[in-house]
Amino acid sequence: MVKIAITGGIACGKTLVGKIFRKKGIPVCEADELGHELLRPDSAVFGEIVEAFGPGIVDEDGSISRKLLGNQVFADAGKLAQLNRITHPKIKSAWRAWQQKHAQENSAVIVPLFFETGEKEGWDCAICVVCDESSQLTRLLERGLTELDAKRRVAALMPVDRKIAASDYVIVNNGTMDLLEQQTTRVLQSILER
């Protein structure tokens, strides 16, 4: 059975590729969704995150605001590293448990920080989803970020060209959904046939 990692730049279409995989019958786990669960008041690291980044990141509903937390960590590399130290072990543990449940079938995990966290070992292949900078910026602005916040988030992450160089496959998401689906289908066929 094939273990596939889907990575790439922020706002490049990793989740869309995951949806296409699901449509093709491949189970997909998203590390970001696992991370979002850690921001809920009942999570094991909620208190540690609030202590590290201050009570100002807590929303009216009692959960941690991703936007407020993101504004802090993407403006300060040290804070981003601190957040990653707190959350990544839990996120990795959760996706590994998910992989165990799907050990008898081909599966994919969307891991935005795949290479940054040294995750190459134990995977059959890595797919990098990319797009041009203007599309990336437009998509981030559509998510409600300011231009400054969008640029900070892009700058805080590993450059996409380094991810491309380290990946087995690349999917370029600059066009239509149909084009993305065609590319993703070709890449998936290639992976399953090798």
N, C-alpha and C. Protein backbone atom coordinates (compact mmCIF):
# COMPACT_ATOMS: atom_id res chain seq x y z
N MET A 1 0.83 -1.18 0.00
CA MET A 1 0.00 0.00 0.00
C MET A 1 0.87 1.25 0.00
N VAL A 2 0.42 2.27 -0.70
CA VAL A 2 1.23 3.47 -0.91
C VAL A 2 0.85 4.55 0.10
N LYS A 3 1.88 5.12 0.75
CA LYS A 3 1.69 6.25 1.66
C LYS A 3 2.15 7.51 0.94
N ILE A 4 1.20 8.40 0.67
CA ILE A 4 1.48 9.61 -0.11
C ILE A 4 1.42 10.83 0.79
N ALA A 5 2.40 11.71 0.66
CA ALA A 5 2.38 13.01 1.35
C ALA A 5 2.05 14.07 0.31
N ILE A 6 1.12 14.94 0.66
CA ILE A 6 0.79 16.09 -0.20
C ILE A 6 1.24 17.33 0.55
N THR A 7 2.13 18.09 -0.07
CA THR A 7 2.65 19.31 0.55
C THR A 7 2.64 20.43 -0.48
N GLY A 8 3.25 21.54 -0.17
CA GLY A 8 3.30 22.65 -1.11
C GLY A 8 3.19 23.98 -0.40
N GLY A 9 3.04 25.02 -1.17
CA GLY A 9 2.96 26.36 -0.62
C GLY A 9 1.60 26.66 -0.03
N ILE A 10 1.56 27.69 0.79
CA ILE A 10 0.31 28.15 1.38
C ILE A 10 -0.61 28.67 0.26
N ALA A 11 -1.88 28.32 0.32
CA ALA A 11 -2.89 28.76 -0.65
C ALA A 11 -2.60 28.30 -2.07
N CYS A 12 -1.92 27.17 -2.21
CA CYS A 12 -1.61 26.65 -3.54
C CYS A 12 -2.58 25.58 -4.02
N GLY A 13 -3.42 25.06 -3.12
CA GLY A 13 -4.42 24.08 -3.56
C GLY A 13 -4.23 22.68 -3.02
N LYS A 14 -3.53 22.52 -1.92
CA LYS A 14 -3.31 21.19 -1.35
C LYS A 14 -4.64 20.52 -0.99
N THR A 15 -5.55 21.29 -0.39
CA THR A 15 -6.86 20.74 0.01
C THR A 15 -7.66 20.34 -1.22
N LEU A 16 -7.57 21.12 -2.29
CA LEU A 16 -8.29 20.75 -3.53
C LEU A 16 -7.75 19.44 -4.10
N VAL A 17 -6.43 19.27 -4.07
CA VAL A 17 -5.84 18.01 -4.53
C VAL A 17 -6.34 16.87 -3.64
N GLY A 18 -6.42 17.11 -2.33
CA GLY A 18 -6.94 16.10 -1.42
C GLY A 18 -8.38 15.72 -1.75
N LYS A 19 -9.20 16.70 -2.12
CA LYS A 19 -10.59 16.41 -2.50
C LYS A 19 -10.65 15.54 -3.75
N ILE A 20 -9.75 15.80 -4.69
CA ILE A 20 -9.71 14.98 -5.91
C ILE A 20 -9.28 13.56 -5.56
N PHE A 21 -8.30 13.42 -4.67
CA PHE A 21 -7.88 12.09 -4.22
C PHE A 21 -9.07 11.34 -3.62
N ARG A 22 -9.82 12.03 -2.75
CA ARG A 22 -10.99 11.38 -2.12
C ARG A 22 -11.99 10.92 -3.18
N LYS A 23 -12.19 11.78 -4.19
CA LYS A 23 -13.11 11.45 -5.28
C LYS A 23 -12.65 10.19 -6.01
N LYS A 24 -11.33 9.97 -6.02
CA LYS A 24 -10.76 8.79 -6.69
C LYS A 24 -10.67 7.59 -5.75
N GLY A 25 -11.23 7.74 -4.54
CA GLY A 25 -11.27 6.62 -3.60
C GLY A 25 -10.08 6.50 -2.66
N ILE A 26 -9.23 7.53 -2.61
CA ILE A 26 -8.07 7.51 -1.73
C ILE A 26 -8.41 8.25 -0.43
N PRO A 27 -8.33 7.61 0.72
CA PRO A 27 -8.58 8.31 1.99
C PRO A 27 -7.51 9.39 2.20
N VAL A 28 -7.93 10.53 2.73
CA VAL A 28 -7.02 11.67 2.94
C VAL A 28 -7.19 12.22 4.34
N CYS A 29 -6.07 12.48 5.00
CA CYS A 29 -6.05 13.12 6.30
C CYS A 29 -5.36 14.48 6.13
N GLU A 30 -5.89 15.52 6.79
CA GLU A 30 -5.29 16.85 6.68
C GLU A 30 -4.66 17.26 8.01
N ALA A 31 -3.34 17.45 8.00
CA ALA A 31 -2.63 17.86 9.21
C ALA A 31 -3.17 19.18 9.75
N ASP A 32 -3.56 20.10 8.86
CA ASP A 32 -4.10 21.38 9.33
C ASP A 32 -5.38 21.19 10.15
N GLU A 33 -6.23 20.26 9.73
CA GLU A 33 -7.46 19.99 10.50
C GLU A 33 -7.11 19.44 11.87
N LEU A 34 -6.10 18.58 11.93
CA LEU A 34 -5.66 18.05 13.22
C LEU A 34 -5.13 19.18 14.10
N GLY A 35 -4.41 20.12 13.47
CA GLY A 35 -3.89 21.27 14.21
C GLY A 35 -5.00 22.18 14.71
N HIS A 36 -6.05 22.34 13.91
CA HIS A 36 -7.18 23.18 14.33
C HIS A 36 -7.86 22.61 15.57
N GLU A 37 -7.89 21.28 15.67
CA GLU A 37 -8.48 20.65 16.85
C GLU A 37 -7.71 21.00 18.12
N LEU A 38 -6.41 21.26 17.98
CA LEU A 38 -5.59 21.61 19.15
C LEU A 38 -5.90 23.00 19.69
N LEU A 39 -6.64 23.80 18.92
CA LEU A 39 -6.97 25.16 19.34
C LEU A 39 -8.27 25.21 20.14
N ARG A 40 -8.93 24.08 20.27
CA ARG A 40 -10.18 24.02 21.05
C ARG A 40 -9.85 23.93 22.54
N PRO A 41 -10.72 24.47 23.38
CA PRO A 41 -10.46 24.49 24.83
C PRO A 41 -10.22 23.11 25.45
N ASP A 42 -10.76 22.04 24.84
CA ASP A 42 -10.61 20.71 25.42
C ASP A 42 -9.36 19.97 24.93
N SER A 43 -8.50 20.64 24.17
CA SER A 43 -7.30 19.95 23.66
C SER A 43 -6.23 19.86 24.74
N ALA A 44 -5.31 18.91 24.54
CA ALA A 44 -4.25 18.66 25.51
C ALA A 44 -3.24 19.81 25.61
N VAL A 45 -3.14 20.62 24.56
CA VAL A 45 -2.13 21.69 24.56
C VAL A 45 -2.73 23.09 24.57
N PHE A 46 -4.05 23.20 24.73
CA PHE A 46 -4.71 24.50 24.73
C PHE A 46 -4.06 25.46 25.73
N GLY A 47 -3.94 25.02 26.97
CA GLY A 47 -3.38 25.86 28.02
C GLY A 47 -1.96 26.29 27.73
N GLU A 48 -1.18 25.37 27.19
CA GLU A 48 0.22 25.68 26.86
C GLU A 48 0.30 26.74 25.76
N ILE A 49 -0.59 26.66 24.77
CA ILE A 49 -0.60 27.64 23.69
C ILE A 49 -1.01 29.01 24.22
N VAL A 50 -2.06 29.06 25.04
CA VAL A 50 -2.52 30.33 25.60
C VAL A 50 -1.45 30.94 26.50
N GLU A 51 -0.79 30.10 27.27
CA GLU A 51 0.28 30.60 28.14
C GLU A 51 1.43 31.18 27.31
N ALA A 52 1.76 30.51 26.21
CA ALA A 52 2.88 30.95 25.37
C ALA A 52 2.57 32.23 24.59
N PHE A 53 1.31 32.39 24.15
CA PHE A 53 0.99 33.50 23.23
C PHE A 53 0.02 34.53 23.81
N GLY A 54 -0.43 34.30 25.03
CA GLY A 54 -1.25 35.29 25.72
C GLY A 54 -2.74 35.08 25.56
N PRO A 55 -3.52 35.54 26.56
CA PRO A 55 -4.97 35.35 26.53
C PRO A 55 -5.66 36.13 25.41
N GLY A 56 -4.96 37.08 24.79
CA GLY A 56 -5.54 37.86 23.70
C GLY A 56 -5.83 37.05 22.45
N ILE A 57 -5.33 35.81 22.38
CA ILE A 57 -5.59 34.97 21.20
C ILE A 57 -6.88 34.16 21.35
N VAL A 58 -7.53 34.25 22.52
CA VAL A 58 -8.74 33.46 22.76
C VAL A 58 -9.96 34.23 22.26
N ASP A 59 -10.76 33.57 21.44
CA ASP A 59 -12.00 34.14 20.88
C ASP A 59 -13.10 34.17 21.94
N GLU A 60 -14.22 34.84 21.59
CA GLU A 60 -15.38 34.93 22.48
C GLU A 60 -15.96 33.56 22.81
N ASP A 61 -15.83 32.60 21.88
CA ASP A 61 -16.38 31.26 22.12
C ASP A 61 -15.46 30.40 22.99
N GLY A 62 -14.31 30.95 23.40
CA GLY A 62 -13.40 30.22 24.27
C GLY A 62 -12.31 29.46 23.56
N SER A 63 -12.38 29.38 22.22
CA SER A 63 -11.32 28.69 21.47
C SER A 63 -10.26 29.70 21.05
N ILE A 64 -9.14 29.18 20.59
CA ILE A 64 -8.06 30.05 20.12
C ILE A 64 -8.38 30.53 18.72
N SER A 65 -8.25 31.82 18.50
CA SER A 65 -8.48 32.41 17.18
C SER A 65 -7.29 32.12 16.28
N ARG A 66 -7.52 31.38 15.20
CA ARG A 66 -6.45 31.07 14.25
C ARG A 66 -5.88 32.35 13.65
N LYS A 67 -6.75 33.32 13.39
CA LYS A 67 -6.30 34.57 12.78
C LYS A 67 -5.37 35.33 13.73
N LEU A 68 -5.79 35.48 14.99
CA LEU A 68 -4.98 36.23 15.95
C LEU A 68 -3.66 35.51 16.24
N LEU A 69 -3.72 34.19 16.39
CA LEU A 69 -2.51 33.42 16.61
C LEU A 69 -1.60 33.51 15.39
N GLY A 70 -2.20 33.38 14.20
CA GLY A 70 -1.42 33.47 12.96
C GLY A 70 -0.74 34.81 12.80
N ASN A 71 -1.44 35.88 13.15
CA ASN A 71 -0.83 37.21 13.05
C ASN A 71 0.43 37.30 13.91
N GLN A 72 0.39 36.67 15.08
CA GLN A 72 1.57 36.69 15.96
C GLN A 72 2.71 35.86 15.40
N VAL A 73 2.41 34.60 15.06
CA VAL A 73 3.50 33.68 14.72
C VAL A 73 4.11 33.94 13.35
N PHE A 74 3.32 34.46 12.41
CA PHE A 74 3.88 34.71 11.09
C PHE A 74 4.63 36.03 11.02
N ALA A 75 4.56 36.82 12.10
CA ALA A 75 5.34 38.05 12.18
C ALA A 75 6.64 37.84 12.95
N ASP A 76 6.82 36.64 13.51
CA ASP A 76 7.98 36.39 14.37
C ASP A 76 8.39 34.92 14.24
N ALA A 77 9.54 34.69 13.60
CA ALA A 77 10.00 33.33 13.34
C ALA A 77 10.18 32.53 14.63
N GLY A 78 10.60 33.20 15.70
CA GLY A 78 10.77 32.51 16.98
C GLY A 78 9.45 32.01 17.54
N LYS A 79 8.40 32.82 17.40
CA LYS A 79 7.07 32.41 17.88
C LYS A 79 6.51 31.28 17.02
N LEU A 80 6.77 31.34 15.71
CA LEU A 80 6.32 30.26 14.83
C LEU A 80 6.99 28.95 15.24
N ALA A 81 8.29 29.00 15.49
CA ALA A 81 9.03 27.80 15.92
C ALA A 81 8.48 27.29 17.25
N GLN A 82 8.15 28.21 18.16
CA GLN A 82 7.60 27.82 19.46
C GLN A 82 6.25 27.12 19.29
N LEU A 83 5.39 27.67 18.45
CA LEU A 83 4.09 27.04 18.20
C LEU A 83 4.28 25.65 17.60
N ASN A 84 5.19 25.54 16.66
CA ASN A 84 5.46 24.24 16.03
C ASN A 84 5.97 23.22 17.04
N ARG A 85 6.82 23.66 17.98
CA ARG A 85 7.32 22.74 19.02
C ARG A 85 6.17 22.22 19.89
N ILE A 86 5.20 23.08 20.15
CA ILE A 86 4.07 22.68 20.99
C ILE A 86 3.12 21.75 20.25
N THR A 87 2.80 22.08 18.99
CA THR A 87 1.74 21.37 18.29
C THR A 87 2.19 20.19 17.43
N HIS A 88 3.36 20.27 16.81
CA HIS A 88 3.74 19.24 15.84
C HIS A 88 3.80 17.82 16.38
N PRO A 89 4.33 17.60 17.58
CA PRO A 89 4.32 16.21 18.07
C PRO A 89 2.91 15.62 18.16
N LYS A 90 1.95 16.42 18.61
CA LYS A 90 0.56 15.94 18.71
C LYS A 90 -0.04 15.70 17.32
N ILE A 91 0.24 16.61 16.39
CA ILE A 91 -0.29 16.47 15.03
C ILE A 91 0.29 15.23 14.36
N LYS A 92 1.60 15.04 14.48
CA LYS A 92 2.25 13.85 13.89
C LYS A 92 1.68 12.57 14.48
N SER A 93 1.52 12.57 15.78
CA SER A 93 0.98 11.39 16.45
C SER A 93 -0.42 11.08 15.93
N ALA A 94 -1.24 12.11 15.73
CA ALA A 94 -2.61 11.91 15.24
C ALA A 94 -2.62 11.39 13.81
N TRP A 95 -1.77 11.94 12.92
CA TRP A 95 -1.83 11.43 11.55
C TRP A 95 -1.21 10.04 11.45
N ARG A 96 -0.26 9.72 12.30
CA ARG A 96 0.30 8.36 12.29
C ARG A 96 -0.75 7.35 12.75
N ALA A 97 -1.54 7.72 13.75
CA ALA A 97 -2.63 6.85 14.20
C ALA A 97 -3.64 6.67 13.07
N TRP A 98 -3.94 7.75 12.33
CA TRP A 98 -4.85 7.68 11.19
C TRP A 98 -4.28 6.74 10.13
N GLN A 99 -2.97 6.85 9.86
CA GLN A 99 -2.34 5.98 8.86
C GLN A 99 -2.43 4.51 9.27
N GLN A 100 -2.28 4.24 10.57
CA GLN A 100 -2.40 2.86 11.04
C GLN A 100 -3.79 2.30 10.72
N LYS A 101 -4.81 3.13 10.89
CA LYS A 101 -6.18 2.68 10.58
C LYS A 101 -6.36 2.40 9.10
N HIS A 102 -5.55 3.05 8.26
CA HIS A 102 -5.66 2.90 6.81
C HIS A 102 -4.46 2.15 6.22
N ALA A 103 -3.81 1.33 7.04
CA ALA A 103 -2.59 0.64 6.62
C ALA A 103 -2.81 -0.35 5.48
N GLN A 104 -4.04 -0.83 5.33
CA GLN A 104 -4.32 -1.83 4.30
C GLN A 104 -4.84 -1.22 3.01
N GLU A 105 -4.69 0.09 2.86
CA GLU A 105 -5.13 0.75 1.62
C GLU A 105 -4.19 1.91 1.29
N ASN A 106 -4.21 2.31 0.03
CA ASN A 106 -3.46 3.50 -0.37
C ASN A 106 -4.07 4.69 0.37
N SER A 107 -3.22 5.61 0.83
CA SER A 107 -3.73 6.75 1.57
C SER A 107 -2.81 7.96 1.39
N ALA A 108 -3.35 9.14 1.71
CA ALA A 108 -2.57 10.38 1.59
C ALA A 108 -2.80 11.24 2.82
N VAL A 109 -1.74 11.95 3.21
CA VAL A 109 -1.84 12.92 4.30
C VAL A 109 -1.35 14.25 3.75
N ILE A 110 -2.14 15.30 3.96
CA ILE A 110 -1.75 16.65 3.54
C ILE A 110 -0.95 17.25 4.69
N VAL A 111 0.35 17.46 4.44
CA VAL A 111 1.26 17.96 5.47
C VAL A 111 1.95 19.22 4.93
N PRO A 112 1.42 20.41 5.22
CA PRO A 112 2.02 21.63 4.69
C PRO A 112 3.50 21.79 5.02
N LEU A 113 3.89 21.38 6.23
CA LEU A 113 5.29 21.54 6.66
C LEU A 113 6.05 20.22 6.58
N PHE A 114 5.76 19.45 5.55
CA PHE A 114 6.35 18.11 5.38
C PHE A 114 7.87 18.14 5.43
N PHE A 115 8.49 18.95 4.61
CA PHE A 115 9.95 18.98 4.56
C PHE A 115 10.55 19.74 5.74
N GLU A 116 9.84 20.78 6.18
CA GLU A 116 10.33 21.58 7.31
C GLU A 116 10.48 20.74 8.57
N THR A 117 9.63 19.72 8.71
CA THR A 117 9.66 18.89 9.91
C THR A 117 10.41 17.57 9.69
N GLY A 118 11.12 17.46 8.57
CA GLY A 118 11.94 16.28 8.31
C GLY A 118 11.15 15.00 8.14
N GLU A 119 10.03 15.07 7.46
CA GLU A 119 9.12 13.93 7.35
C GLU A 119 9.33 13.03 6.14
N LYS A 120 10.46 13.01 5.51
CA LYS A 120 10.65 12.23 4.28
C LYS A 120 10.66 10.71 4.54
N GLU A 121 11.13 10.31 5.69
CA GLU A 121 11.27 8.89 6.03
C GLU A 121 9.91 8.21 6.21
N GLY A 122 9.75 7.02 5.63
CA GLY A 122 8.54 6.24 5.85
C GLY A 122 7.40 6.53 4.89
N TRP A 123 7.64 7.38 3.91
CA TRP A 123 6.62 7.72 2.92
C TRP A 123 7.06 7.14 1.57
N ASP A 124 6.08 6.80 0.73
CA ASP A 124 6.42 6.29 -0.60
C ASP A 124 6.69 7.40 -1.59
N CYS A 125 6.03 8.53 -1.44
CA CYS A 125 6.29 9.66 -2.33
C CYS A 125 5.71 10.94 -1.75
N ALA A 126 6.23 12.05 -2.25
CA ALA A 126 5.74 13.37 -1.85
C ALA A 126 5.32 14.14 -3.10
N ILE A 127 4.13 14.73 -3.03
CA ILE A 127 3.61 15.57 -4.10
C ILE A 127 3.66 17.02 -3.61
N CYS A 128 4.20 17.90 -4.41
CA CYS A 128 4.23 19.32 -4.06
C CYS A 128 3.22 20.06 -4.94
N VAL A 129 2.27 20.76 -4.31
CA VAL A 129 1.27 21.55 -5.03
C VAL A 129 1.72 23.01 -4.99
N VAL A 130 1.84 23.62 -6.16
CA VAL A 130 2.34 24.99 -6.26
C VAL A 130 1.43 25.83 -7.15
N CYS A 131 1.62 27.15 -7.06
CA CYS A 131 0.96 28.07 -7.98
C CYS A 131 1.85 29.31 -8.08
N ASP A 132 1.53 30.19 -9.01
CA ASP A 132 2.34 31.40 -9.13
C ASP A 132 2.05 32.33 -7.96
N GLU A 133 2.98 33.26 -7.71
CA GLU A 133 2.87 34.14 -6.54
C GLU A 133 1.63 35.02 -6.56
N SER A 134 1.24 35.49 -7.73
CA SER A 134 0.07 36.37 -7.78
C SER A 134 -1.21 35.61 -7.42
N SER A 135 -1.33 34.36 -7.88
CA SER A 135 -2.49 33.54 -7.51
C SER A 135 -2.49 33.26 -6.01
N GLN A 136 -1.32 32.97 -5.48
CA GLN A 136 -1.19 32.69 -4.06
C GLN A 136 -1.63 33.90 -3.23
N LEU A 137 -1.15 35.08 -3.61
CA LEU A 137 -1.50 36.30 -2.89
C LEU A 137 -2.99 36.59 -2.99
N THR A 138 -3.55 36.44 -4.19
CA THR A 138 -4.99 36.67 -4.40
C THR A 138 -5.81 35.74 -3.51
N ARG A 139 -5.44 34.48 -3.46
CA ARG A 139 -6.18 33.50 -2.64
C ARG A 139 -6.09 33.84 -1.16
N LEU A 140 -4.92 34.30 -0.70
CA LEU A 140 -4.77 34.67 0.70
C LEU A 140 -5.60 35.91 1.03
N LEU A 141 -5.65 36.85 0.11
CA LEU A 141 -6.48 38.05 0.32
C LEU A 141 -7.95 37.67 0.36
N GLU A 142 -8.36 36.70 -0.47
CA GLU A 142 -9.74 36.23 -0.47
C GLU A 142 -10.11 35.54 0.85
N ARG A 143 -9.10 35.05 1.56
CA ARG A 143 -9.33 34.42 2.87
C ARG A 143 -9.45 35.47 3.98
N GLY A 144 -9.31 36.74 3.62
CA GLY A 144 -9.48 37.80 4.60
C GLY A 144 -8.20 38.35 5.20
N LEU A 145 -7.05 37.92 4.68
CA LEU A 145 -5.79 38.45 5.18
C LEU A 145 -5.49 39.79 4.53
N THR A 146 -4.74 40.62 5.22
CA THR A 146 -4.25 41.85 4.59
C THR A 146 -3.08 41.46 3.70
N GLU A 147 -2.70 42.35 2.82
CA GLU A 147 -1.56 42.05 1.94
C GLU A 147 -0.30 41.82 2.75
N LEU A 148 -0.10 42.63 3.79
CA LEU A 148 1.08 42.46 4.65
C LEU A 148 1.08 41.11 5.33
N ASP A 149 -0.06 40.71 5.91
CA ASP A 149 -0.13 39.40 6.57
C ASP A 149 0.08 38.26 5.58
N ALA A 150 -0.49 38.39 4.39
CA ALA A 150 -0.32 37.36 3.36
C ALA A 150 1.15 37.21 3.00
N LYS A 151 1.84 38.32 2.78
CA LYS A 151 3.26 38.27 2.42
C LYS A 151 4.11 37.72 3.56
N ARG A 152 3.74 38.05 4.80
CA ARG A 152 4.47 37.51 5.96
C ARG A 152 4.34 35.99 6.02
N ARG A 153 3.14 35.50 5.76
CA ARG A 153 2.92 34.05 5.83
C ARG A 153 3.71 33.32 4.76
N VAL A 154 3.73 33.87 3.57
CA VAL A 154 4.51 33.25 2.49
C VAL A 154 5.99 33.27 2.85
N ALA A 155 6.48 34.42 3.34
CA ALA A 155 7.90 34.57 3.66
C ALA A 155 8.34 33.70 4.83
N ALA A 156 7.42 33.38 5.74
CA ALA A 156 7.77 32.61 6.93
C ALA A 156 7.98 31.12 6.64
N LEU A 157 7.54 30.68 5.47
CA LEU A 157 7.58 29.25 5.14
C LEU A 157 8.73 28.93 4.19
N MET A 158 9.09 27.66 4.11
CA MET A 158 10.15 27.22 3.21
C MET A 158 9.80 27.64 1.78
N PRO A 159 10.77 28.19 1.03
CA PRO A 159 10.49 28.57 -0.36
C PRO A 159 9.99 27.37 -1.17
N VAL A 160 9.00 27.63 -2.01
CA VAL A 160 8.37 26.56 -2.78
C VAL A 160 9.38 25.86 -3.69
N ASP A 161 10.35 26.58 -4.24
CA ASP A 161 11.31 25.93 -5.13
C ASP A 161 12.11 24.84 -4.40
N ARG A 162 12.36 25.02 -3.13
CA ARG A 162 13.05 23.98 -2.35
C ARG A 162 12.15 22.77 -2.14
N LYS A 163 10.85 23.02 -1.94
CA LYS A 163 9.91 21.91 -1.79
C LYS A 163 9.79 21.14 -3.10
N ILE A 164 9.76 21.88 -4.21
CA ILE A 164 9.69 21.24 -5.53
C ILE A 164 10.89 20.31 -5.72
N ALA A 165 12.08 20.82 -5.41
CA ALA A 165 13.31 20.04 -5.61
C ALA A 165 13.32 18.76 -4.78
N ALA A 166 12.68 18.80 -3.62
CA ALA A 166 12.68 17.64 -2.72
C ALA A 166 11.52 16.67 -2.98
N SER A 167 10.57 17.06 -3.84
CA SER A 167 9.37 16.25 -4.06
C SER A 167 9.55 15.26 -5.22
N ASP A 168 8.71 14.23 -5.22
CA ASP A 168 8.71 13.25 -6.30
C ASP A 168 7.83 13.68 -7.46
N TYR A 169 6.77 14.43 -7.16
CA TYR A 169 5.82 14.90 -8.16
C TYR A 169 5.46 16.35 -7.85
N VAL A 170 5.12 17.10 -8.91
CA VAL A 170 4.69 18.50 -8.74
C VAL A 170 3.38 18.69 -9.50
N ILE A 171 2.44 19.35 -8.84
CA ILE A 171 1.17 19.72 -9.46
C ILE A 171 1.10 21.24 -9.44
N VAL A 172 0.90 21.84 -10.62
CA VAL A 172 0.86 23.29 -10.74
C VAL A 172 -0.61 23.72 -10.83
N ASN A 173 -1.05 24.51 -9.86
CA ASN A 173 -2.45 24.92 -9.76
C ASN A 173 -2.61 26.39 -10.15
N ASN A 174 -2.34 26.70 -11.42
CA ASN A 174 -2.51 28.07 -11.92
C ASN A 174 -3.75 28.23 -12.79
N GLY A 175 -4.39 27.12 -13.12
CA GLY A 175 -5.50 27.19 -14.07
C GLY A 175 -6.84 26.87 -13.47
N THR A 176 -7.64 26.18 -14.25
CA THR A 176 -9.00 25.84 -13.84
C THR A 176 -9.02 24.60 -12.95
N MET A 177 -10.17 24.36 -12.36
CA MET A 177 -10.35 23.14 -11.56
C MET A 177 -10.21 21.90 -12.44
N ASP A 178 -10.68 21.99 -13.70
CA ASP A 178 -10.55 20.85 -14.62
C ASP A 178 -9.08 20.51 -14.86
N LEU A 179 -8.26 21.54 -15.07
CA LEU A 179 -6.83 21.29 -15.29
C LEU A 179 -6.18 20.69 -14.06
N LEU A 180 -6.57 21.18 -12.89
CA LEU A 180 -6.03 20.63 -11.65
C LEU A 180 -6.42 19.17 -11.51
N GLU A 181 -7.67 18.87 -11.83
CA GLU A 181 -8.13 17.48 -11.72
C GLU A 181 -7.39 16.57 -12.71
N GLN A 182 -7.17 17.06 -13.93
CA GLN A 182 -6.43 16.27 -14.92
C GLN A 182 -5.01 15.97 -14.44
N GLN A 183 -4.31 17.00 -13.96
CA GLN A 183 -2.94 16.81 -13.46
C GLN A 183 -2.91 15.84 -12.29
N THR A 184 -3.82 16.05 -11.35
CA THR A 184 -3.86 15.21 -10.14
C THR A 184 -4.14 13.76 -10.51
N THR A 185 -5.05 13.54 -11.44
CA THR A 185 -5.38 12.18 -11.89
C THR A 185 -4.16 11.52 -12.52
N ARG A 186 -3.41 12.27 -13.37
CA ARG A 186 -2.20 11.72 -14.00
C ARG A 186 -1.15 11.36 -12.95
N VAL A 187 -0.95 12.25 -11.99
CA VAL A 187 0.04 12.00 -10.93
C VAL A 187 -0.37 10.77 -10.11
N LEU A 188 -1.63 10.69 -9.74
CA LEU A 188 -2.10 9.55 -8.95
C LEU A 188 -1.94 8.24 -9.72
N GLN A 189 -2.28 8.25 -11.01
CA GLN A 189 -2.11 7.04 -11.83
C GLN A 189 -0.64 6.63 -11.87
N SER A 190 0.24 7.60 -12.03
CA SER A 190 1.66 7.31 -12.08
C SER A 190 2.15 6.70 -10.77
N ILE A 191 1.67 7.22 -9.65
CA ILE A 191 2.06 6.70 -8.34
C ILE A 191 1.58 5.26 -8.17
N LEU A 192 0.33 5.02 -8.52
CA LEU A 192 -0.26 3.69 -8.30
C LEU A 192 0.27 2.65 -9.28
N GLU A 193 0.81 3.08 -10.41
CA GLU A 193 1.33 2.14 -11.40
C GLU A 193 2.79 1.78 -11.18
N ARG A 194 3.50 2.55 -10.37
CA ARG A 194 4.94 2.28 -10.23
C ARG A 194 5.25 1.14 -9.31
